[in-house]
N, C-alpha and C. Protein backbone atom coordinates (compact mmCIF):
# COMPACT_ATOMS: atom_id res chain seq x y z
N MET A 1 9.43 -15.03 20.50
CA MET A 1 8.22 -15.61 21.10
C MET A 1 7.78 -14.78 22.32
N ARG A 2 8.74 -14.33 23.09
CA ARG A 2 8.41 -13.52 24.26
C ARG A 2 7.78 -12.20 23.84
N GLN A 3 8.33 -11.62 22.78
CA GLN A 3 7.80 -10.34 22.28
C GLN A 3 6.36 -10.50 21.83
N ASP A 4 6.06 -11.60 21.17
CA ASP A 4 4.70 -11.87 20.67
C ASP A 4 3.71 -11.94 21.83
N ALA A 5 4.11 -12.61 22.91
CA ALA A 5 3.24 -12.74 24.08
C ALA A 5 2.97 -11.36 24.66
N GLY A 6 3.98 -10.49 24.63
CA GLY A 6 3.81 -9.14 25.14
C GLY A 6 2.79 -8.38 24.32
N HIS A 7 2.84 -8.54 23.01
CA HIS A 7 1.86 -7.87 22.13
C HIS A 7 0.45 -8.36 22.44
N GLN A 8 0.30 -9.66 22.64
CA GLN A 8 -1.02 -10.23 22.93
C GLN A 8 -1.57 -9.67 24.24
N MET A 9 -0.72 -9.57 25.26
CA MET A 9 -1.16 -9.06 26.56
C MET A 9 -1.59 -7.61 26.43
N GLN A 10 -0.84 -6.82 25.67
CA GLN A 10 -1.19 -5.42 25.47
C GLN A 10 -2.55 -5.31 24.79
N GLY A 11 -2.80 -6.17 23.82
CA GLY A 11 -4.07 -6.15 23.10
C GLY A 11 -5.23 -6.48 24.01
N SER A 12 -5.08 -7.51 24.83
CA SER A 12 -6.17 -7.90 25.72
C SER A 12 -6.36 -6.85 26.81
N TYR A 13 -5.28 -6.16 27.21
CA TYR A 13 -5.38 -5.10 28.22
C TYR A 13 -6.21 -3.95 27.67
N LYS A 14 -5.96 -3.60 26.40
CA LYS A 14 -6.75 -2.54 25.76
C LYS A 14 -8.21 -2.94 25.69
N ALA A 15 -8.47 -4.18 25.30
CA ALA A 15 -9.86 -4.67 25.20
C ALA A 15 -10.53 -4.62 26.57
N LEU A 16 -9.78 -4.98 27.61
CA LEU A 16 -10.33 -4.97 28.97
C LEU A 16 -10.70 -3.55 29.37
N ARG A 17 -9.83 -2.59 29.05
CA ARG A 17 -10.11 -1.19 29.38
C ARG A 17 -11.34 -0.69 28.64
N ILE A 18 -11.50 -1.11 27.39
CA ILE A 18 -12.68 -0.70 26.61
C ILE A 18 -13.94 -1.26 27.27
N GLU A 19 -13.87 -2.52 27.70
CA GLU A 19 -15.02 -3.15 28.36
C GLU A 19 -15.37 -2.40 29.64
N LEU A 20 -14.35 -2.04 30.44
CA LEU A 20 -14.59 -1.32 31.69
C LEU A 20 -15.20 0.04 31.40
N ALA A 21 -14.72 0.72 30.37
CA ALA A 21 -15.25 2.04 30.01
C ALA A 21 -16.71 1.91 29.62
N ARG A 22 -17.04 0.87 28.86
CA ARG A 22 -18.44 0.66 28.44
C ARG A 22 -19.33 0.45 29.66
N GLU A 23 -18.85 -0.34 30.62
CA GLU A 23 -19.64 -0.60 31.82
C GLU A 23 -19.85 0.69 32.60
N GLU A 24 -18.80 1.51 32.69
CA GLU A 24 -18.91 2.78 33.42
C GLU A 24 -19.94 3.68 32.75
N ILE A 25 -19.90 3.74 31.43
CA ILE A 25 -20.85 4.58 30.68
C ILE A 25 -22.27 4.07 30.92
N ALA A 26 -22.45 2.75 30.89
CA ALA A 26 -23.77 2.17 31.11
C ALA A 26 -24.28 2.51 32.50
N GLN A 27 -23.39 2.46 33.50
CA GLN A 27 -23.79 2.78 34.87
C GLN A 27 -24.17 4.26 34.97
N MET A 28 -23.39 5.13 34.33
CA MET A 28 -23.68 6.57 34.36
C MET A 28 -25.05 6.83 33.74
N GLN A 29 -25.32 6.18 32.61
CA GLN A 29 -26.61 6.37 31.93
C GLN A 29 -27.75 5.88 32.82
N ALA A 30 -27.54 4.78 33.52
CA ALA A 30 -28.58 4.24 34.41
C ALA A 30 -28.85 5.22 35.55
N ILE A 31 -27.79 5.81 36.09
CA ILE A 31 -27.95 6.78 37.19
C ILE A 31 -28.67 8.03 36.67
N LEU A 32 -28.26 8.50 35.49
CA LEU A 32 -28.89 9.70 34.92
C LEU A 32 -30.35 9.44 34.57
N ALA A 33 -30.66 8.21 34.18
CA ALA A 33 -32.04 7.88 33.79
C ALA A 33 -32.99 7.97 34.99
N ARG A 34 -32.47 7.82 36.19
CA ARG A 34 -33.31 7.88 37.38
C ARG A 34 -33.84 9.29 37.63
N TYR A 35 -33.03 10.29 37.30
CA TYR A 35 -33.43 11.67 37.58
C TYR A 35 -34.38 12.24 36.55
């Protein structure tokens, strides 16, 4: 049961990193769009 919880946390951590990367890319595009 403990191992399963660890797998779930790893999965959500990956998803969180993907979300952060998407936000960073969106911000970069917004900054580039100004120029």
